[in-house]
Amino acid sequence: MKQVTIYTDGACSGNPGAGGWGAVLFYKDIKREISGYQENTTNNQMELTAAIKALDMLKEPCEVQLYSDSAYLINAFNQDWIIGWQMNGFRNANKKPVQNIDM
């Protein structure tokens, strides 16, 4: 299986505010950079967008190592938040809808 390494980041000026995202994908000797912009967004939305857009670039199943400085993104998987959200009907520990559920 192909092995791909992805580095992502996202940010915005104001929260919400104008934001941008970027990702760099590495496969063997190939490097691909992607990025984008949104006028009215949040920091977490840009962090998630970077990861989603990078994963969308993959044309077939791959083993992926994804690096991010977003605790929100990383903890959703590494601390199994996403499993808890699914089991609770996408509600957080305070019984409120999980933010950015559409992403």
PDB file of N, CA and C in Angstrom:
ATOM      1  N   MET A   1       0.850  -1.175   0.000  1.00  0.00           N
ATOM      2  CA  MET A   1       0.000   0.000   0.000  1.00  0.00           C
ATOM      3  C   MET A   1       0.901   1.245   0.000  1.00  0.00           C
ATOM      4  N   LYS A   2       0.495   2.242  -0.762  1.00  0.00           N
ATOM      5  CA  LYS A   2       1.255   3.483  -0.823  1.00  0.00           C
ATOM      6  C   LYS A   2       1.241   4.178   0.533  1.00  0.00           C
ATOM      7  N   GLN A   3       2.368   4.796   0.877  1.00  0.00           N
ATOM      8  CA  GLN A   3       2.490   5.540   2.131  1.00  0.00           C
ATOM      9  C   GLN A   3       2.619   7.024   1.820  1.00  0.00           C
ATOM     10  N   VAL A   4       1.704   7.807   2.380  1.00  0.00           N
ATOM     11  CA  VAL A   4       1.660   9.247   2.146  1.00  0.00           C
ATOM     12  C   VAL A   4       1.793   9.954   3.487  1.00  0.00           C
ATOM     13  N   THR A   5       2.605  11.007   3.507  1.00  0.00           N
ATOM     14  CA  THR A   5       2.740  11.854   4.692  1.00  0.00           C
ATOM     15  C   THR A   5       2.130  13.209   4.367  1.00  0.00           C
ATOM     16  N   ILE A   6       1.302  13.711   5.288  1.00  0.00           N
ATOM     17  CA  ILE A   6       0.595  14.972   5.075  1.00  0.00           C
ATOM     18  C   ILE A   6       0.835  15.887   6.278  1.00  0.00           C
ATOM     19  N   TYR A   7       1.164  17.141   5.981  1.00  0.00           N
ATOM     20  CA  TYR A   7       1.272  18.187   6.999  1.00  0.00           C
ATOM     21  C   TYR A   7       0.200  19.227   6.695  1.00  0.00           C
ATOM     22  N   THR A   8      -0.576  19.593   7.720  1.00  0.00           N
ATOM     23  CA  THR A   8      -1.675  20.536   7.506  1.00  0.00           C
ATOM     24  C   THR A   8      -1.609  21.682   8.499  1.00  0.00           C
ATOM     25  N   ASP A   9      -2.239  22.796   8.108  1.00  0.00           N
ATOM     26  CA  ASP A   9      -2.406  23.923   9.032  1.00  0.00           C
ATOM     27  C   ASP A   9      -3.554  24.781   8.539  1.00  0.00           C
ATOM     28  N   GLY A  10      -4.159  25.476   9.464  1.00  0.00           N
ATOM     29  CA  GLY A  10      -5.230  26.403   9.152  1.00  0.00           C
ATOM     30  C   GLY A  10      -5.265  27.493  10.194  1.00  0.00           C
ATOM     31  N   ALA A  11      -5.745  28.661   9.803  1.00  0.00           N
ATOM     32  CA  ALA A  11      -5.811  29.791  10.731  1.00  0.00           C
ATOM     33  C   ALA A  11      -6.804  30.812  10.205  1.00  0.00           C
ATOM     34  N   CYS A  12      -7.180  31.742  11.079  1.00  0.00           N
ATOM     35  CA  CYS A  12      -8.002  32.851  10.629  1.00  0.00           C
ATOM     36  C   CYS A  12      -7.660  34.091  11.432  1.00  0.00           C
ATOM     37  N   SER A  13      -7.972  35.232  10.854  1.00  0.00           N
ATOM     38  CA  SER A  13      -7.746  36.526  11.491  1.00  0.00           C
ATOM     39  C   SER A  13      -9.070  36.957  12.089  1.00  0.00           C
ATOM     40  N   GLY A  14      -9.174  36.882  13.406  1.00  0.00           N
ATOM     41  CA  GLY A  14     -10.460  36.978  14.076  1.00  0.00           C
ATOM     42  C   GLY A  14     -11.019  35.569  14.120  1.00  0.00           C
ATOM     43  N   ASN A  15     -11.940  35.337  15.000  1.00  0.00           N
ATOM     44  CA  ASN A  15     -12.497  33.990  15.103  1.00  0.00           C
ATOM     45  C   ASN A  15     -13.987  34.099  15.433  1.00  0.00           C
ATOM     46  N   PRO A  16     -14.879  34.255  14.460  1.00  0.00           N
ATOM     47  CA  PRO A  16     -14.644  34.050  13.033  1.00  0.00           C
ATOM     48  C   PRO A  16     -14.001  35.255  12.360  1.00  0.00           C
ATOM     49  N   GLY A  17     -13.507  34.982  11.153  1.00  0.00           N
ATOM     50  CA  GLY A  17     -12.881  36.010  10.337  1.00  0.00           C
ATOM     51  C   GLY A  17     -12.368  35.404   9.054  1.00  0.00           C
ATOM     52  N   ALA A  18     -11.542  36.175   8.366  1.00  0.00           N
ATOM     53  CA  ALA A  18     -10.930  35.687   7.128  1.00  0.00           C
ATOM     54  C   ALA A  18      -9.926  34.599   7.486  1.00  0.00           C
ATOM     55  N   GLY A  19      -9.945  33.508   6.729  1.00  0.00           N
ATOM     56  CA  GLY A  19      -9.074  32.392   7.080  1.00  0.00           C
ATOM     57  C   GLY A  19      -8.445  31.723   5.879  1.00  0.00           C
ATOM     58  N   GLY A  20      -7.448  30.942   6.170  1.00  0.00           N
ATOM     59  CA  GLY A  20      -6.774  30.180   5.131  1.00  0.00           C
ATOM     60  C   GLY A  20      -6.343  28.829   5.654  1.00  0.00           C
ATOM     61  N   TRP A  21      -6.068  27.943   4.736  1.00  0.00           N
ATOM     62  CA  TRP A  21      -5.621  26.592   5.083  1.00  0.00           C
ATOM     63  C   TRP A  21      -4.559  26.172   4.078  1.00  0.00           C
ATOM     64  N   GLY A  22      -3.746  25.233   4.488  1.00  0.00           N
ATOM     65  CA  GLY A  22      -2.730  24.709   3.589  1.00  0.00           C
ATOM     66  C   GLY A  22      -2.353  23.297   3.988  1.00  0.00           C
ATOM     67  N   ALA A  23      -1.830  22.564   3.024  1.00  0.00           N
ATOM     68  CA  ALA A  23      -1.364  21.207   3.277  1.00  0.00           C
ATOM     69  C   ALA A  23      -0.239  20.878   2.307  1.00  0.00           C
ATOM     70  N   VAL A  24       0.665  20.052   2.777  1.00  0.00           N
ATOM     71  CA  VAL A  24       1.744  19.537   1.935  1.00  0.00           C
ATOM     72  C   VAL A  24       1.676  18.022   2.021  1.00  0.00           C
ATOM     73  N   LEU A  25       1.611  17.381   0.855  1.00  0.00           N
ATOM     74  CA  LEU A  25       1.541  15.921   0.760  1.00  0.00           C
ATOM     75  C   LEU A  25       2.847  15.407   0.177  1.00  0.00           C
ATOM     76  N   PHE A  26       3.359  14.332   0.770  1.00  0.00           N
ATOM     77  CA  PHE A  26       4.591  13.706   0.303  1.00  0.00           C
ATOM     78  C   PHE A  26       4.317  12.240  -0.018  1.00  0.00           C
ATOM     79  N   TYR A  27       4.718  11.839  -1.211  1.00  0.00           N
ATOM     80  CA  TYR A  27       4.695  10.442  -1.609  1.00  0.00           C
ATOM     81  C   TYR A  27       5.995  10.174  -2.362  1.00  0.00           C
ATOM     82  N   LYS A  28       6.840   9.334  -1.792  1.00  0.00           N
ATOM     83  CA  LYS A  28       8.169   9.071  -2.352  1.00  0.00           C
ATOM     84  C   LYS A  28       8.874  10.406  -2.588  1.00  0.00           C
ATOM     85  N   ASP A  29       9.277  10.695  -3.819  1.00  0.00           N
ATOM     86  CA  ASP A  29       9.972  11.945  -4.135  1.00  0.00           C
ATOM     87  C   ASP A  29       9.018  13.056  -4.572  1.00  0.00           C
ATOM     88  N   ILE A  30       7.729  12.799  -4.497  1.00  0.00           N
ATOM     89  CA  ILE A  30       6.735  13.760  -4.989  1.00  0.00           C
ATOM     90  C   ILE A  30       6.214  14.599  -3.823  1.00  0.00           C
ATOM     91  N   LYS A  31       6.191  15.903  -4.028  1.00  0.00           N
ATOM     92  CA  LYS A  31       5.672  16.849  -3.032  1.00  0.00           C
ATOM     93  C   LYS A  31       4.574  17.665  -3.707  1.00  0.00           C
ATOM     94  N   ARG A  32       3.423  17.769  -3.051  1.00  0.00           N
ATOM     95  CA  ARG A  32       2.303  18.547  -3.593  1.00  0.00           C
ATOM     96  C   ARG A  32       1.805  19.494  -2.519  1.00  0.00           C
ATOM     97  N   GLU A  33       1.710  20.768  -2.841  1.00  0.00           N
ATOM     98  CA  GLU A  33       1.206  21.775  -1.917  1.00  0.00           C
ATOM     99  C   GLU A  33      -0.168  22.237  -2.384  1.00  0.00           C
ATOM    100  N   ILE A  34      -1.096  22.368  -1.439  1.00  0.00           N
ATOM    101  CA  ILE A  34      -2.433  22.871  -1.744  1.00  0.00           C
ATOM    102  C   ILE A  34      -2.803  23.890  -0.682  1.00  0.00           C
ATOM    103  N   SER A  35      -3.668  24.823  -1.040  1.00  0.00           N
ATOM    104  CA  SER A  35      -4.087  25.837  -0.071  1.00  0.00           C
ATOM    105  C   SER A  35      -5.393  26.476  -0.536  1.00  0.00           C
ATOM    106  N   GLY A  36      -6.005  27.205   0.382  1.00  0.00           N
ATOM    107  CA  GLY A  36      -7.250  27.884   0.056  1.00  0.00           C
ATOM    108  C   GLY A  36      -7.569  28.963   1.064  1.00  0.00           C
ATOM    109  N   TYR A  37      -8.653  29.679   0.803  1.00  0.00           N
ATOM    110  CA  TYR A  37      -9.050  30.854   1.578  1.00  0.00           C
ATOM    111  C   TYR A  37     -10.566  30.889   1.718  1.00  0.00           C
ATOM    112  N   GLN A  38     -11.026  31.377   2.876  1.00  0.00           N
ATOM    113  CA  GLN A  38     -12.450  31.644   3.075  1.00  0.00           C
ATOM    114  C   GLN A  38     -12.580  32.983   3.786  1.00  0.00           C
ATOM    115  N   GLU A  39     -13.602  33.741   3.409  1.00  0.00           N
ATOM    116  CA  GLU A  39     -13.770  35.067   3.995  1.00  0.00           C
ATOM    117  C   GLU A  39     -14.282  35.035   5.421  1.00  0.00           C
ATOM    118  N   ASN A  40     -15.235  34.192   5.730  1.00  0.00           N
ATOM    119  CA  ASN A  40     -15.840  34.182   7.070  1.00  0.00           C
ATOM    120  C   ASN A  40     -15.833  32.757   7.603  1.00  0.00           C
ATOM    121  N   THR A  41     -14.888  32.474   8.492  1.00  0.00           N
ATOM    122  CA  THR A  41     -14.700  31.106   8.959  1.00  0.00           C
ATOM    123  C   THR A  41     -14.100  31.125  10.358  1.00  0.00           C
ATOM    124  N   THR A  42     -13.846  29.953  10.889  1.00  0.00           N
ATOM    125  CA  THR A  42     -13.191  29.856  12.201  1.00  0.00           C
ATOM    126  C   THR A  42     -11.866  29.116  12.055  1.00  0.00           C
ATOM    127  N   ASN A  43     -11.059  29.229  13.082  1.00  0.00           N
ATOM    128  CA  ASN A  43      -9.773  28.546  13.096  1.00  0.00           C
ATOM    129  C   ASN A  43      -9.964  27.034  12.958  1.00  0.00           C
ATOM    130  N   ASN A  44     -10.872  26.468  13.732  1.00  0.00           N
ATOM    131  CA  ASN A  44     -11.099  25.017  13.654  1.00  0.00           C
ATOM    132  C   ASN A  44     -11.599  24.591  12.277  1.00  0.00           C
ATOM    133  N   GLN A  45     -12.452  25.389  11.653  1.00  0.00           N
ATOM    134  CA  GLN A  45     -12.921  25.043  10.314  1.00  0.00           C
ATOM    135  C   GLN A  45     -11.764  25.017   9.320  1.00  0.00           C
ATOM    136  N   MET A  46     -10.822  25.931   9.455  1.00  0.00           N
ATOM    137  CA  MET A  46      -9.671  25.950   8.547  1.00  0.00           C
ATOM    138  C   MET A  46      -8.743  24.765   8.813  1.00  0.00           C
ATOM    139  N   GLU A  47      -8.564  24.405  10.078  1.00  0.00           N
ATOM    140  CA  GLU A  47      -7.750  23.227  10.411  1.00  0.00           C
ATOM    141  C   GLU A  47      -8.376  21.960   9.809  1.00  0.00           C
ATOM    142  N   LEU A  48      -9.682  21.822   9.964  1.00  0.00           N
ATOM    143  CA  LEU A  48     -10.381  20.661   9.418  1.00  0.00           C
ATOM    144  C   LEU A  48     -10.362  20.664   7.893  1.00  0.00           C
ATOM    145  N   THR A  49     -10.554  21.824   7.299  1.00  0.00           N
ATOM    146  CA  THR A  49     -10.553  21.927   5.843  1.00  0.00           C
ATOM    147  C   THR A  49      -9.218  21.483   5.267  1.00  0.00           C
ATOM    148  N   ALA A  50      -8.123  21.882   5.896  1.00  0.00           N
ATOM    149  CA  ALA A  50      -6.793  21.494   5.417  1.00  0.00           C
ATOM    150  C   ALA A  50      -6.666  19.972   5.354  1.00  0.00           C
ATOM    151  N   ALA A  51      -7.102  19.303   6.413  1.00  0.00           N
ATOM    152  CA  ALA A  51      -7.007  17.837   6.450  1.00  0.00           C
ATOM    153  C   ALA A  51      -7.950  17.189   5.432  1.00  0.00           C
ATOM    154  N   ILE A  52      -9.171  17.689   5.344  1.00  0.00           N
ATOM    155  CA  ILE A  52     -10.154  17.123   4.416  1.00  0.00           C
ATOM    156  C   ILE A  52      -9.686  17.282   2.973  1.00  0.00           C
ATOM    157  N   LYS A  53      -9.237  18.477   2.616  1.00  0.00           N
ATOM    158  CA  LYS A  53      -8.787  18.730   1.241  1.00  0.00           C
ATOM    159  C   LYS A  53      -7.564  17.869   0.908  1.00  0.00           C
ATOM    160  N   ALA A  54      -6.666  17.703   1.868  1.00  0.00           N
ATOM    161  CA  ALA A  54      -5.484  16.866   1.621  1.00  0.00           C
ATOM    162  C   ALA A  54      -5.896  15.416   1.393  1.00  0.00           C
ATOM    163  N   LEU A  55      -6.763  14.898   2.229  1.00  0.00           N
ATOM    164  CA  LEU A  55      -7.213  13.518   2.064  1.00  0.00           C
ATOM    165  C   LEU A  55      -8.002  13.338   0.774  1.00  0.00           C
ATOM    166  N   ASP A  56      -8.728  14.376   0.348  1.00  0.00           N
ATOM    167  CA  ASP A  56      -9.459  14.310  -0.917  1.00  0.00           C
ATOM    168  C   ASP A  56      -8.525  14.192  -2.120  1.00  0.00           C
ATOM    169  N   MET A  57      -7.270  14.576  -1.965  1.00  0.00           N
ATOM    170  CA  MET A  57      -6.306  14.504  -3.062  1.00  0.00           C
ATOM    171  C   MET A  57      -5.899  13.054  -3.372  1.00  0.00           C
ATOM    172  N   LEU A  58      -6.072  12.171  -2.413  1.00  0.00           N
ATOM    173  CA  LEU A  58      -5.651  10.784  -2.593  1.00  0.00           C
ATOM    174  C   LEU A  58      -6.574  10.083  -3.581  1.00  0.00           C
ATOM    175  N   LYS A  59      -5.983   9.419  -4.541  1.00  0.00           N
ATOM    176  CA  LYS A  59      -6.755   8.784  -5.603  1.00  0.00           C
ATOM    177  C   LYS A  59      -7.061   7.309  -5.339  1.00  0.00           C
ATOM    178  N   GLU A  60      -6.465   6.764  -4.296  1.00  0.00           N
ATOM    179  CA  GLU A  60      -6.679   5.359  -3.947  1.00  0.00           C
ATOM    180  C   GLU A  60      -6.387   5.193  -2.458  1.00  0.00           C
ATOM    181  N   PRO A  61      -6.774   4.071  -1.866  1.00  0.00           N
ATOM    182  CA  PRO A  61      -6.467   3.853  -0.455  1.00  0.00           C
ATOM    183  C   PRO A  61      -4.951   3.893  -0.218  1.00  0.00           C
ATOM    184  N   CYS A  62      -4.560   4.586   0.839  1.00  0.00           N
ATOM    185  CA  CYS A  62      -3.148   4.729   1.192  1.00  0.00           C
ATOM    186  C   CYS A  62      -2.985   4.632   2.704  1.00  0.00           C
ATOM    187  N   GLU A  63      -1.788   4.291   3.133  1.00  0.00           N
ATOM    188  CA  GLU A  63      -1.437   4.426   4.539  1.00  0.00           C
ATOM    189  C   GLU A  63      -1.015   5.878   4.711  1.00  0.00           C
ATOM    190  N   VAL A  64      -1.690   6.583   5.621  1.00  0.00           N
ATOM    191  CA  VAL A  64      -1.467   8.022   5.766  1.00  0.00           C
ATOM    192  C   VAL A  64      -0.970   8.349   7.168  1.00  0.00           C
ATOM    193  N   GLN A  65       0.052   9.175   7.215  1.00  0.00           N
ATOM    194  CA  GLN A  65       0.475   9.818   8.455  1.00  0.00           C
ATOM    195  C   GLN A  65       0.140  11.287   8.286  1.00  0.00           C
ATOM    196  N   LEU A  66      -0.778  11.802   9.111  1.00  0.00           N
ATOM    197  CA  LEU A  66      -1.203  13.186   9.015  1.00  0.00           C
ATOM    198  C   LEU A  66      -0.739  13.932  10.251  1.00  0.00           C
ATOM    199  N   TYR A  67      -0.055  15.049  10.037  1.00  0.00           N
ATOM    200  CA  TYR A  67       0.462  15.872  11.121  1.00  0.00           C
ATOM    201  C   TYR A  67      -0.265  17.207  11.139  1.00  0.00           C
ATOM    202  N   SER A  68      -0.675  17.630  12.329  1.00  0.00           N
ATOM    203  CA  SER A  68      -1.391  18.883  12.501  1.00  0.00           C
ATOM    204  C   SER A  68      -1.054  19.456  13.873  1.00  0.00           C
ATOM    205  N   ASP A  69      -1.119  20.770  13.996  1.00  0.00           N
ATOM    206  CA  ASP A  69      -0.945  21.388  15.309  1.00  0.00           C
ATOM    207  C   ASP A  69      -2.298  21.665  15.977  1.00  0.00           C
ATOM    208  N   SER A  70      -3.371  21.157  15.378  1.00  0.00           N
ATOM    209  CA  SER A  70      -4.713  21.379  15.896  1.00  0.00           C
ATOM    210  C   SER A  70      -5.094  20.299  16.904  1.00  0.00           C
ATOM    211  N   ALA A  71      -5.193  20.674  18.174  1.00  0.00           N
ATOM    212  CA  ALA A  71      -5.616  19.727  19.205  1.00  0.00           C
ATOM    213  C   ALA A  71      -7.028  19.223  18.897  1.00  0.00           C
ATOM    214  N   TYR A  72      -7.876  20.096  18.385  1.00  0.00           N
ATOM    215  CA  TYR A  72      -9.254  19.729  18.034  1.00  0.00           C
ATOM    216  C   TYR A  72      -9.265  18.586  17.023  1.00  0.00           C
ATOM    217  N   LEU A  73      -8.483  18.704  15.974  1.00  0.00           N
ATOM    218  CA  LEU A  73      -8.426  17.668  14.940  1.00  0.00           C
ATOM    219  C   LEU A  73      -7.768  16.392  15.460  1.00  0.00           C
ATOM    220  N   ILE A  74      -6.629  16.515  16.059  1.00  0.00           N
ATOM    221  CA  ILE A  74      -5.872  15.345  16.508  1.00  0.00           C
ATOM    222  C   ILE A  74      -6.605  14.589  17.620  1.00  0.00           C
ATOM    223  N   ASN A  75      -7.140  15.309  18.596  1.00  0.00           N
ATOM    224  CA  ASN A  75      -7.825  14.647  19.713  1.00  0.00           C
ATOM    225  C   ASN A  75      -9.108  13.945  19.277  1.00  0.00           C
ATOM    226  N   ALA A  76      -9.733  14.434  18.213  1.00  0.00           N
ATOM    227  CA  ALA A  76     -10.937  13.769  17.718  1.00  0.00           C
ATOM    228  C   ALA A  76     -10.642  12.314  17.376  1.00  0.00           C
ATOM    229  N   PHE A  77      -9.411  12.038  16.962  1.00  0.00           N
ATOM    230  CA  PHE A  77      -9.034  10.671  16.598  1.00  0.00           C
ATOM    231  C   PHE A  77      -8.170  10.005  17.670  1.00  0.00           C
ATOM    232  N   ASN A  78      -7.130  10.678  18.123  1.00  0.00           N
ATOM    233  CA  ASN A  78      -6.202  10.059  19.073  1.00  0.00           C
ATOM    234  C   ASN A  78      -6.812   9.836  20.454  1.00  0.00           C
ATOM    235  N   GLN A  79      -7.786  10.644  20.836  1.00  0.00           N
ATOM    236  CA  GLN A  79      -8.451  10.455  22.123  1.00  0.00           C
ATOM    237  C   GLN A  79      -9.870   9.907  21.939  1.00  0.00           C
ATOM    238  N   ASP A  80     -10.149   9.430  20.727  1.00  0.00           N
ATOM    239  CA  ASP A  80     -11.424   8.774  20.403  1.00  0.00           C
ATOM    240  C   ASP A  80     -12.650   9.659  20.622  1.00  0.00           C
ATOM    241  N   TRP A  81     -12.482  10.991  20.541  1.00  0.00           N
ATOM    242  CA  TRP A  81     -13.648  11.867  20.661  1.00  0.00           C
ATOM    243  C   TRP A  81     -14.692  11.514  19.612  1.00  0.00           C
ATOM    244  N   ILE A  82     -14.241  11.214  18.407  1.00  0.00           N
ATOM    245  CA  ILE A  82     -15.183  10.951  17.318  1.00  0.00           C
ATOM    246  C   ILE A  82     -16.050   9.726  17.606  1.00  0.00           C
ATOM    247  N   ILE A  83     -15.487   8.735  18.272  1.00  0.00           N
ATOM    248  CA  ILE A  83     -16.275   7.547  18.637  1.00  0.00           C
ATOM    249  C   ILE A  83     -17.352   7.929  19.647  1.00  0.00           C
ATOM    250  N   GLY A  84     -16.972   8.723  20.635  1.00  0.00           N
ATOM    251  CA  GLY A  84     -17.946   9.196  21.620  1.00  0.00           C
ATOM    252  C   GLY A  84     -19.035  10.047  20.984  1.00  0.00           C
ATOM    253  N   TRP A  85     -18.643  10.918  20.057  1.00  0.00           N
ATOM    254  CA  TRP A  85     -19.634  11.750  19.361  1.00  0.00           C
ATOM    255  C   TRP A  85     -20.617  10.873  18.593  1.00  0.00           C
ATOM    256  N   GLN A  86     -20.110   9.858  17.910  1.00  0.00           N
ATOM    257  CA  GLN A  86     -20.984   8.968  17.150  1.00  0.00           C
ATOM    258  C   GLN A  86     -21.944   8.234  18.075  1.00  0.00           C
ATOM    259  N   MET A  87     -21.430   7.740  19.188  1.00  0.00           N
ATOM    260  CA  MET A  87     -22.270   6.997  20.134  1.00  0.00           C
ATOM    261  C   MET A  87     -23.318   7.893  20.790  1.00  0.00           C
ATOM    262  N   ASN A  88     -23.027   9.193  20.898  1.00  0.00           N
ATOM    263  CA  ASN A  88     -23.943  10.138  21.547  1.00  0.00           C
ATOM    264  C   ASN A  88     -24.754  10.946  20.537  1.00  0.00           C
ATOM    265  N   GLY A  89     -24.873  10.446  19.320  1.00  0.00           N
ATOM    266  CA  GLY A  89     -25.656  11.161  18.311  1.00  0.00           C
ATOM    267  C   GLY A  89     -25.030  12.493  17.928  1.00  0.00           C
ATOM    268  N   PHE A  90     -23.711  12.537  17.896  1.00  0.00           N
ATOM    269  CA  PHE A  90     -22.930  13.735  17.582  1.00  0.00           C
ATOM    270  C   PHE A  90     -23.265  14.891  18.523  1.00  0.00           C
ATOM    271  N   ARG A  91     -23.301  14.538  19.803  1.00  0.00           N
ATOM    272  CA  ARG A  91     -23.431  15.527  20.881  1.00  0.00           C
ATOM    273  C   ARG A  91     -22.193  15.405  21.755  1.00  0.00           C
ATOM    274  N   ASN A  92     -21.747  16.532  22.284  1.00  0.00           N
ATOM    275  CA  ASN A  92     -20.544  16.531  23.118  1.00  0.00           C
ATOM    276  C   ASN A  92     -20.896  16.155  24.561  1.00  0.00           C
ATOM    277  N   ALA A  93     -19.920  16.241  25.436  1.00  0.00           N
ATOM    278  CA  ALA A  93     -20.127  15.854  26.834  1.00  0.00           C
ATOM    279  C   ALA A  93     -21.168  16.728  27.525  1.00  0.00           C
ATOM    280  N   ASN A  94     -21.393  17.938  27.015  1.00  0.00           N
ATOM    281  CA  ASN A  94     -22.406  18.839  27.574  1.00  0.00           C
ATOM    282  C   ASN A  94     -23.769  18.669  26.911  1.00  0.00           C
ATOM    283  N   LYS A  95     -23.906  17.600  26.106  1.00  0.00           N
ATOM    284  CA  LYS A  95     -25.156  17.258  25.405  1.00  0.00           C
ATOM    285  C   LYS A  95     -25.529  18.278  24.321  1.00  0.00           C
ATOM    286  N   LYS A  96     -24.571  19.104  23.907  1.00  0.00           N
ATOM    287  CA  LYS A  96     -24.797  20.057  22.833  1.00  0.00           C
ATOM    288  C   LYS A  96     -24.268  19.470  21.521  1.00  0.00           C
ATOM    289  N   PRO A  97     -24.851  19.884  20.389  1.00  0.00           N
ATOM    290  CA  PRO A  97     -24.362  19.358  19.109  1.00  0.00           C
ATOM    291  C   PRO A  97     -22.862  19.645  18.918  1.00  0.00           C
ATOM    292  N   VAL A  98     -22.166  18.674  18.383  1.00  0.00           N
ATOM    293  CA  VAL A  98     -20.752  18.834  18.097  1.00  0.00           C
ATOM    294  C   VAL A  98     -20.584  19.925  17.038  1.00  0.00           C
ATOM    295  N   GLN A  99     -19.651  20.827  17.279  1.00  0.00           N
ATOM    296  CA  GLN A  99     -19.390  21.870  16.297  1.00  0.00           C
ATOM    297  C   GLN A  99     -18.761  21.275  15.036  1.00  0.00           C
ATOM    298  N   ASN A 100     -19.039  21.886  13.922  1.00  0.00           N
ATOM    299  CA  ASN A 100     -18.485  21.497  12.620  1.00  0.00           C
ATOM    300  C   ASN A 100     -18.870  20.087  12.219  1.00  0.00           C
ATOM    301  N   ILE A 101     -20.030  19.626  12.634  1.00  0.00           N
ATOM    302  CA  ILE A 101     -20.476  18.270  12.327  1.00  0.00           C
ATOM    303  C   ILE A 101     -20.515  18.022  10.817  1.00  0.00           C
ATOM    304  N   ASP A 102     -20.795  19.058  10.044  1.00  0.00           N
ATOM    305  CA  ASP A 102     -20.864  18.906   8.596  1.00  0.00           C
ATOM    306  C   ASP A 102     -19.504  18.577   7.988  1.00  0.00           C
ATOM    307  N   MET A 103     -18.455  18.798   8.732  1.00  0.00           N
ATOM    308  CA  MET A 103     -17.116  18.537   8.219  1.00  0.00           C
ATOM    309  C   MET A 103     -16.645  17.170   8.671  1.00  0.00           C
TER     310      MET A 103
END
